[in-house]
Amino acid sequence: MTMKRIRLELARGDEFPNGSSERGYEFAAPLDDAGHLVASEWRAASERCRVKRFWPGVKDEIGHLVHRKSGVWAFDYNPKSAEDDEPGFKFDRHRFVPGEYVSITEHDGVLRTFRVAWVRDLD
């Protein structure tokens, strides 16, 4: 199993024309050699697949990367409620390699784009 620590930083957009390294996510996940999430390996290591959402002026949120039966990957901060889930847009197809972009629908319902800043071995 290849467990990785991945850092996503807010990409450039209307709010932040240069993006923001102070806004984003760090999470652990199993990736294959091409940088894709591996659902079968996630099942064996789901407790290790933690996420931290960081945003200035807001307390860091700590949760887990989850893979729903529907195939959707999401960040889940409260396993007793789906209202706080932040689904990744096509996380099953995107590559998590530095310089690539992924999108997440955040708590406020806004789909925001993030740049993969780095990927490091977890172990």
N, C-alpha and C. Protein backbone atom coordinates (compact mmCIF):
# COMPACT_ATOMS: atom_id res chain seq x y z
N MET A 1 0.84 -1.18 0.00
CA MET A 1 0.00 0.00 0.00
C MET A 1 0.89 1.24 0.00
N THR A 2 0.52 2.22 -0.80
CA THR A 2 1.28 3.45 -0.89
C THR A 2 0.47 4.60 -0.29
N MET A 3 0.64 4.79 1.00
CA MET A 3 -0.07 5.88 1.67
C MET A 3 0.70 7.18 1.47
N LYS A 4 -0.04 8.22 1.12
CA LYS A 4 0.56 9.53 0.85
C LYS A 4 -0.13 10.60 1.67
N ARG A 5 0.60 11.67 1.93
CA ARG A 5 0.05 12.89 2.52
C ARG A 5 -0.02 13.89 1.38
N ILE A 6 -1.20 14.47 1.18
CA ILE A 6 -1.47 15.36 0.05
C ILE A 6 -1.88 16.73 0.58
N ARG A 7 -1.32 17.78 0.02
CA ARG A 7 -1.71 19.14 0.40
C ARG A 7 -2.36 19.82 -0.80
N LEU A 8 -3.59 20.31 -0.58
CA LEU A 8 -4.32 21.08 -1.57
C LEU A 8 -4.39 22.52 -1.10
N GLU A 9 -4.11 23.45 -2.00
CA GLU A 9 -4.19 24.88 -1.68
C GLU A 9 -5.16 25.54 -2.65
N LEU A 10 -5.89 26.53 -2.14
CA LEU A 10 -6.88 27.22 -2.95
C LEU A 10 -6.24 27.78 -4.21
N ALA A 11 -6.84 27.46 -5.35
CA ALA A 11 -6.32 27.92 -6.64
C ALA A 11 -6.81 29.35 -6.90
N ARG A 12 -6.20 29.96 -7.89
CA ARG A 12 -6.61 31.33 -8.23
C ARG A 12 -8.07 31.35 -8.68
N GLY A 13 -8.71 32.46 -8.34
CA GLY A 13 -10.12 32.65 -8.69
C GLY A 13 -10.50 34.09 -8.43
N ASP A 14 -11.78 34.39 -8.52
CA ASP A 14 -12.25 35.76 -8.33
C ASP A 14 -11.89 36.30 -6.95
N GLU A 15 -12.10 35.49 -5.91
CA GLU A 15 -11.80 35.94 -4.55
C GLU A 15 -10.31 36.12 -4.30
N PHE A 16 -9.53 35.21 -4.87
CA PHE A 16 -8.08 35.20 -4.65
C PHE A 16 -7.38 35.05 -6.00
N PRO A 17 -7.09 36.18 -6.67
CA PRO A 17 -6.49 36.12 -8.01
C PRO A 17 -5.16 35.36 -8.06
N ASN A 18 -4.45 35.28 -6.95
CA ASN A 18 -3.18 34.55 -6.90
C ASN A 18 -3.31 33.22 -6.17
N GLY A 19 -4.52 32.83 -5.83
CA GLY A 19 -4.72 31.64 -5.02
C GLY A 19 -4.37 31.96 -3.57
N SER A 20 -4.33 30.93 -2.72
CA SER A 20 -4.00 31.14 -1.32
C SER A 20 -3.43 29.86 -0.72
N SER A 21 -2.19 29.96 -0.26
CA SER A 21 -1.57 28.81 0.42
C SER A 21 -2.06 28.68 1.85
N GLU A 22 -2.83 29.66 2.33
CA GLU A 22 -3.37 29.63 3.70
C GLU A 22 -4.75 28.97 3.78
N ARG A 23 -5.27 28.55 2.62
CA ARG A 23 -6.61 27.96 2.57
C ARG A 23 -6.53 26.64 1.82
N GLY A 24 -6.96 25.58 2.49
CA GLY A 24 -6.92 24.30 1.80
C GLY A 24 -7.09 23.11 2.71
N TYR A 25 -6.50 22.02 2.27
CA TYR A 25 -6.66 20.72 2.93
C TYR A 25 -5.33 19.99 2.94
N GLU A 26 -5.11 19.20 3.97
CA GLU A 26 -4.07 18.19 3.99
C GLU A 26 -4.76 16.89 4.37
N PHE A 27 -4.48 15.84 3.60
CA PHE A 27 -5.11 14.57 3.91
C PHE A 27 -4.21 13.41 3.52
N ALA A 28 -4.51 12.27 4.11
CA ALA A 28 -3.78 11.04 3.84
C ALA A 28 -4.68 10.13 3.02
N ALA A 29 -4.06 9.46 2.02
CA ALA A 29 -4.83 8.58 1.15
C ALA A 29 -3.88 7.62 0.42
N PRO A 30 -4.40 6.45 0.04
CA PRO A 30 -3.61 5.54 -0.78
C PRO A 30 -3.69 5.98 -2.25
N LEU A 31 -2.53 6.13 -2.88
CA LEU A 31 -2.47 6.51 -4.29
C LEU A 31 -1.71 5.45 -5.07
N ASP A 32 -2.12 5.26 -6.32
CA ASP A 32 -1.34 4.38 -7.19
C ASP A 32 -0.18 5.17 -7.79
N ASP A 33 0.61 4.54 -8.63
CA ASP A 33 1.79 5.18 -9.19
C ASP A 33 1.46 6.40 -10.06
N ALA A 34 0.24 6.45 -10.60
CA ALA A 34 -0.17 7.58 -11.44
C ALA A 34 -0.80 8.71 -10.63
N GLY A 35 -1.01 8.49 -9.32
CA GLY A 35 -1.59 9.52 -8.46
C GLY A 35 -3.09 9.43 -8.27
N HIS A 36 -3.70 8.30 -8.65
CA HIS A 36 -5.14 8.12 -8.47
C HIS A 36 -5.43 7.49 -7.10
N LEU A 37 -6.56 7.87 -6.51
CA LEU A 37 -7.01 7.24 -5.27
C LEU A 37 -7.31 5.77 -5.54
N VAL A 38 -7.02 4.91 -4.57
CA VAL A 38 -7.22 3.47 -4.72
C VAL A 38 -8.25 3.02 -3.67
N ALA A 39 -9.48 2.78 -4.14
CA ALA A 39 -10.58 2.44 -3.22
C ALA A 39 -10.31 1.15 -2.46
N SER A 40 -9.76 0.13 -3.11
CA SER A 40 -9.53 -1.15 -2.42
C SER A 40 -8.51 -0.99 -1.29
N GLU A 41 -7.52 -0.17 -1.48
CA GLU A 41 -6.54 0.07 -0.42
C GLU A 41 -7.11 1.01 0.65
N TRP A 42 -7.99 1.91 0.25
CA TRP A 42 -8.63 2.79 1.23
C TRP A 42 -9.42 1.96 2.25
N ARG A 43 -10.12 0.93 1.77
CA ARG A 43 -10.92 0.10 2.68
C ARG A 43 -10.06 -0.47 3.80
N ALA A 44 -8.85 -0.87 3.47
CA ALA A 44 -7.97 -1.48 4.47
C ALA A 44 -7.33 -0.45 5.40
N ALA A 45 -7.35 0.81 5.01
CA ALA A 45 -6.65 1.84 5.79
C ALA A 45 -7.52 3.07 6.05
N SER A 46 -8.83 2.91 6.03
CA SER A 46 -9.72 4.08 6.12
C SER A 46 -9.50 4.91 7.38
N GLU A 47 -9.14 4.28 8.49
CA GLU A 47 -8.91 5.04 9.73
C GLU A 47 -7.68 5.93 9.64
N ARG A 48 -6.74 5.59 8.78
CA ARG A 48 -5.53 6.39 8.61
C ARG A 48 -5.75 7.56 7.64
N CYS A 49 -6.86 7.53 6.92
CA CYS A 49 -7.13 8.54 5.88
C CYS A 49 -7.79 9.77 6.50
N ARG A 50 -7.00 10.51 7.26
CA ARG A 50 -7.47 11.70 7.97
C ARG A 50 -7.36 12.92 7.08
N VAL A 51 -8.18 13.92 7.36
CA VAL A 51 -8.13 15.20 6.63
C VAL A 51 -8.14 16.35 7.62
N LYS A 52 -7.43 17.41 7.27
CA LYS A 52 -7.47 18.66 8.04
C LYS A 52 -7.79 19.77 7.04
N ARG A 53 -8.86 20.50 7.31
CA ARG A 53 -9.22 21.67 6.51
C ARG A 53 -8.70 22.90 7.25
N PHE A 54 -7.91 23.72 6.57
CA PHE A 54 -7.37 24.92 7.22
C PHE A 54 -7.80 26.16 6.44
N TRP A 55 -8.17 27.20 7.21
CA TRP A 55 -8.69 28.44 6.64
C TRP A 55 -8.47 29.53 7.67
N PRO A 56 -7.87 30.66 7.31
CA PRO A 56 -7.62 31.71 8.30
C PRO A 56 -8.90 32.18 9.00
N GLY A 57 -8.79 32.36 10.30
CA GLY A 57 -9.92 32.86 11.08
C GLY A 57 -10.95 31.81 11.42
N VAL A 58 -10.72 30.56 11.00
CA VAL A 58 -11.64 29.47 11.28
C VAL A 58 -10.85 28.33 11.90
N LYS A 59 -11.40 27.74 12.94
CA LYS A 59 -10.73 26.61 13.59
C LYS A 59 -10.55 25.47 12.57
N ASP A 60 -9.37 24.86 12.55
CA ASP A 60 -9.12 23.73 11.66
C ASP A 60 -10.18 22.66 11.88
N GLU A 61 -10.66 22.08 10.80
CA GLU A 61 -11.60 20.96 10.89
C GLU A 61 -10.84 19.68 10.64
N ILE A 62 -11.10 18.68 11.46
CA ILE A 62 -10.43 17.39 11.36
C ILE A 62 -11.47 16.32 11.07
N GLY A 63 -11.20 15.49 10.09
CA GLY A 63 -12.15 14.43 9.74
C GLY A 63 -11.45 13.32 8.99
N HIS A 64 -12.21 12.66 8.13
CA HIS A 64 -11.71 11.51 7.36
C HIS A 64 -12.07 11.66 5.88
N LEU A 65 -11.23 11.07 5.05
CA LEU A 65 -11.57 10.87 3.65
C LEU A 65 -12.46 9.63 3.61
N VAL A 66 -13.63 9.74 2.99
CA VAL A 66 -14.55 8.61 2.91
C VAL A 66 -14.85 8.32 1.44
N HIS A 67 -15.20 7.07 1.19
CA HIS A 67 -15.58 6.63 -0.14
C HIS A 67 -16.97 6.04 -0.03
N ARG A 68 -17.94 6.72 -0.59
CA ARG A 68 -19.34 6.32 -0.48
C ARG A 68 -19.66 5.15 -1.42
N LYS A 69 -20.72 4.43 -1.11
CA LYS A 69 -21.15 3.32 -1.96
C LYS A 69 -21.44 3.78 -3.39
N SER A 70 -21.81 5.04 -3.53
CA SER A 70 -22.10 5.60 -4.85
C SER A 70 -20.82 5.84 -5.65
N GLY A 71 -19.66 5.67 -5.01
CA GLY A 71 -18.39 5.91 -5.68
C GLY A 71 -17.82 7.29 -5.43
N VAL A 72 -18.56 8.14 -4.73
CA VAL A 72 -18.12 9.51 -4.46
C VAL A 72 -17.14 9.52 -3.30
N TRP A 73 -16.05 10.26 -3.48
CA TRP A 73 -15.09 10.51 -2.40
C TRP A 73 -15.47 11.83 -1.75
N ALA A 74 -15.35 11.91 -0.41
CA ALA A 74 -15.70 13.14 0.30
C ALA A 74 -14.87 13.26 1.56
N PHE A 75 -14.80 14.48 2.07
CA PHE A 75 -14.22 14.73 3.38
C PHE A 75 -15.39 14.79 4.35
N ASP A 76 -15.32 13.99 5.40
CA ASP A 76 -16.40 13.87 6.38
C ASP A 76 -15.87 14.25 7.75
N TYR A 77 -16.49 15.24 8.37
CA TYR A 77 -16.03 15.74 9.66
C TYR A 77 -16.88 15.23 10.82
N ASN A 78 -18.05 14.68 10.52
CA ASN A 78 -18.94 14.14 11.55
C ASN A 78 -19.63 12.90 10.98
N PRO A 79 -19.21 11.71 11.40
CA PRO A 79 -19.79 10.50 10.81
C PRO A 79 -21.28 10.30 11.09
N LYS A 80 -21.83 11.08 12.02
CA LYS A 80 -23.25 10.95 12.35
C LYS A 80 -24.14 11.81 11.46
N SER A 81 -23.53 12.63 10.61
CA SER A 81 -24.29 13.53 9.75
C SER A 81 -23.60 13.68 8.40
N ALA A 82 -24.40 13.70 7.35
CA ALA A 82 -23.84 13.90 6.00
C ALA A 82 -23.87 15.39 5.63
N GLU A 83 -24.47 16.22 6.48
CA GLU A 83 -24.59 17.65 6.16
C GLU A 83 -23.26 18.37 6.10
N ASP A 84 -22.26 17.85 6.79
CA ASP A 84 -20.95 18.52 6.81
C ASP A 84 -20.00 17.97 5.76
N ASP A 85 -20.43 16.96 5.02
CA ASP A 85 -19.55 16.34 4.03
C ASP A 85 -19.18 17.32 2.92
N GLU A 86 -17.95 17.20 2.45
CA GLU A 86 -17.47 18.02 1.35
C GLU A 86 -17.02 17.08 0.23
N PRO A 87 -17.89 16.83 -0.75
CA PRO A 87 -17.54 15.90 -1.82
C PRO A 87 -16.53 16.48 -2.79
N GLY A 88 -15.64 15.60 -3.22
CA GLY A 88 -14.69 15.96 -4.25
C GLY A 88 -15.32 15.73 -5.62
N PHE A 89 -15.08 16.64 -6.54
CA PHE A 89 -15.62 16.51 -7.88
C PHE A 89 -14.74 15.57 -8.70
N LYS A 90 -15.30 14.41 -9.04
CA LYS A 90 -14.60 13.40 -9.84
C LYS A 90 -13.25 13.01 -9.25
N PHE A 91 -13.19 12.91 -7.92
CA PHE A 91 -11.95 12.47 -7.28
C PHE A 91 -11.53 11.09 -7.78
N ASP A 92 -12.49 10.28 -8.24
CA ASP A 92 -12.17 8.94 -8.73
C ASP A 92 -11.40 8.98 -10.05
N ARG A 93 -11.40 10.12 -10.73
CA ARG A 93 -10.72 10.24 -12.03
C ARG A 93 -9.49 11.14 -11.99
N HIS A 94 -9.45 12.06 -11.04
CA HIS A 94 -8.36 13.02 -11.01
C HIS A 94 -7.08 12.42 -10.44
N ARG A 95 -5.98 12.99 -10.88
CA ARG A 95 -4.66 12.58 -10.38
C ARG A 95 -4.21 13.56 -9.31
N PHE A 96 -3.73 13.03 -8.22
CA PHE A 96 -3.20 13.84 -7.14
C PHE A 96 -1.68 13.88 -7.28
N VAL A 97 -1.24 14.78 -8.16
CA VAL A 97 0.18 15.02 -8.38
C VAL A 97 0.39 16.52 -8.37
N PRO A 98 1.56 16.98 -7.89
CA PRO A 98 1.79 18.43 -7.80
C PRO A 98 1.52 19.14 -9.13
N GLY A 99 0.80 20.27 -9.00
CA GLY A 99 0.46 21.08 -10.16
C GLY A 99 -0.91 20.79 -10.75
N GLU A 100 -1.50 19.63 -10.44
CA GLU A 100 -2.83 19.30 -10.94
C GLU A 100 -3.88 20.05 -10.10
N TYR A 101 -5.10 20.12 -10.63
CA TYR A 101 -6.20 20.82 -9.96
C TYR A 101 -7.35 19.87 -9.69
N VAL A 102 -7.99 20.06 -8.54
CA VAL A 102 -9.18 19.29 -8.16
C VAL A 102 -10.19 20.28 -7.57
N SER A 103 -11.45 19.88 -7.57
CA SER A 103 -12.49 20.75 -7.03
C SER A 103 -13.24 20.04 -5.91
N ILE A 104 -13.68 20.84 -4.94
CA ILE A 104 -14.40 20.34 -3.77
C ILE A 104 -15.60 21.24 -3.53
N THR A 105 -16.76 20.64 -3.28
CA THR A 105 -17.93 21.40 -2.88
C THR A 105 -17.86 21.55 -1.37
N GLU A 106 -17.64 22.78 -0.92
CA GLU A 106 -17.44 23.02 0.50
C GLU A 106 -18.77 23.19 1.24
N HIS A 107 -18.67 23.36 2.57
CA HIS A 107 -19.85 23.46 3.44
C HIS A 107 -20.87 24.49 2.96
N ASP A 108 -20.38 25.58 2.38
CA ASP A 108 -21.29 26.64 1.95
C ASP A 108 -21.93 26.35 0.59
N GLY A 109 -21.66 25.16 0.05
CA GLY A 109 -22.26 24.76 -1.22
C GLY A 109 -21.52 25.26 -2.45
N VAL A 110 -20.41 25.97 -2.23
CA VAL A 110 -19.64 26.52 -3.34
C VAL A 110 -18.59 25.50 -3.78
N LEU A 111 -18.52 25.27 -5.09
CA LEU A 111 -17.49 24.41 -5.67
C LEU A 111 -16.25 25.26 -5.87
N ARG A 112 -15.16 24.91 -5.15
CA ARG A 112 -13.91 25.66 -5.25
C ARG A 112 -12.82 24.75 -5.80
N THR A 113 -11.90 25.37 -6.51
CA THR A 113 -10.80 24.64 -7.13
C THR A 113 -9.55 24.79 -6.27
N PHE A 114 -8.84 23.69 -6.14
CA PHE A 114 -7.61 23.64 -5.35
C PHE A 114 -6.50 23.04 -6.21
N ARG A 115 -5.29 23.53 -5.97
CA ARG A 115 -4.10 23.02 -6.66
C ARG A 115 -3.40 22.03 -5.74
N VAL A 116 -2.95 20.92 -6.29
CA VAL A 116 -2.16 19.97 -5.51
C VAL A 116 -0.78 20.60 -5.32
N ALA A 117 -0.49 21.01 -4.09
CA ALA A 117 0.77 21.69 -3.78
C ALA A 117 1.92 20.69 -3.65
N TRP A 118 1.66 19.59 -2.94
CA TRP A 118 2.67 18.55 -2.80
C TRP A 118 2.04 17.22 -2.41
N VAL A 119 2.81 16.16 -2.66
CA VAL A 119 2.43 14.80 -2.27
C VAL A 119 3.69 14.18 -1.69
N ARG A 120 3.55 13.62 -0.46
CA ARG A 120 4.69 13.03 0.23
C ARG A 120 4.32 11.66 0.75
N ASP A 121 5.33 10.81 0.93
CA ASP A 121 5.09 9.51 1.54
C ASP A 121 4.60 9.73 2.96
N LEU A 122 3.61 8.96 3.37
CA LEU A 122 3.11 9.07 4.73
C LEU A 122 3.98 8.26 5.68
N ASP A 123 4.41 7.13 5.25
CA ASP A 123 5.22 6.24 6.11
C ASP A 123 6.69 6.37 5.76
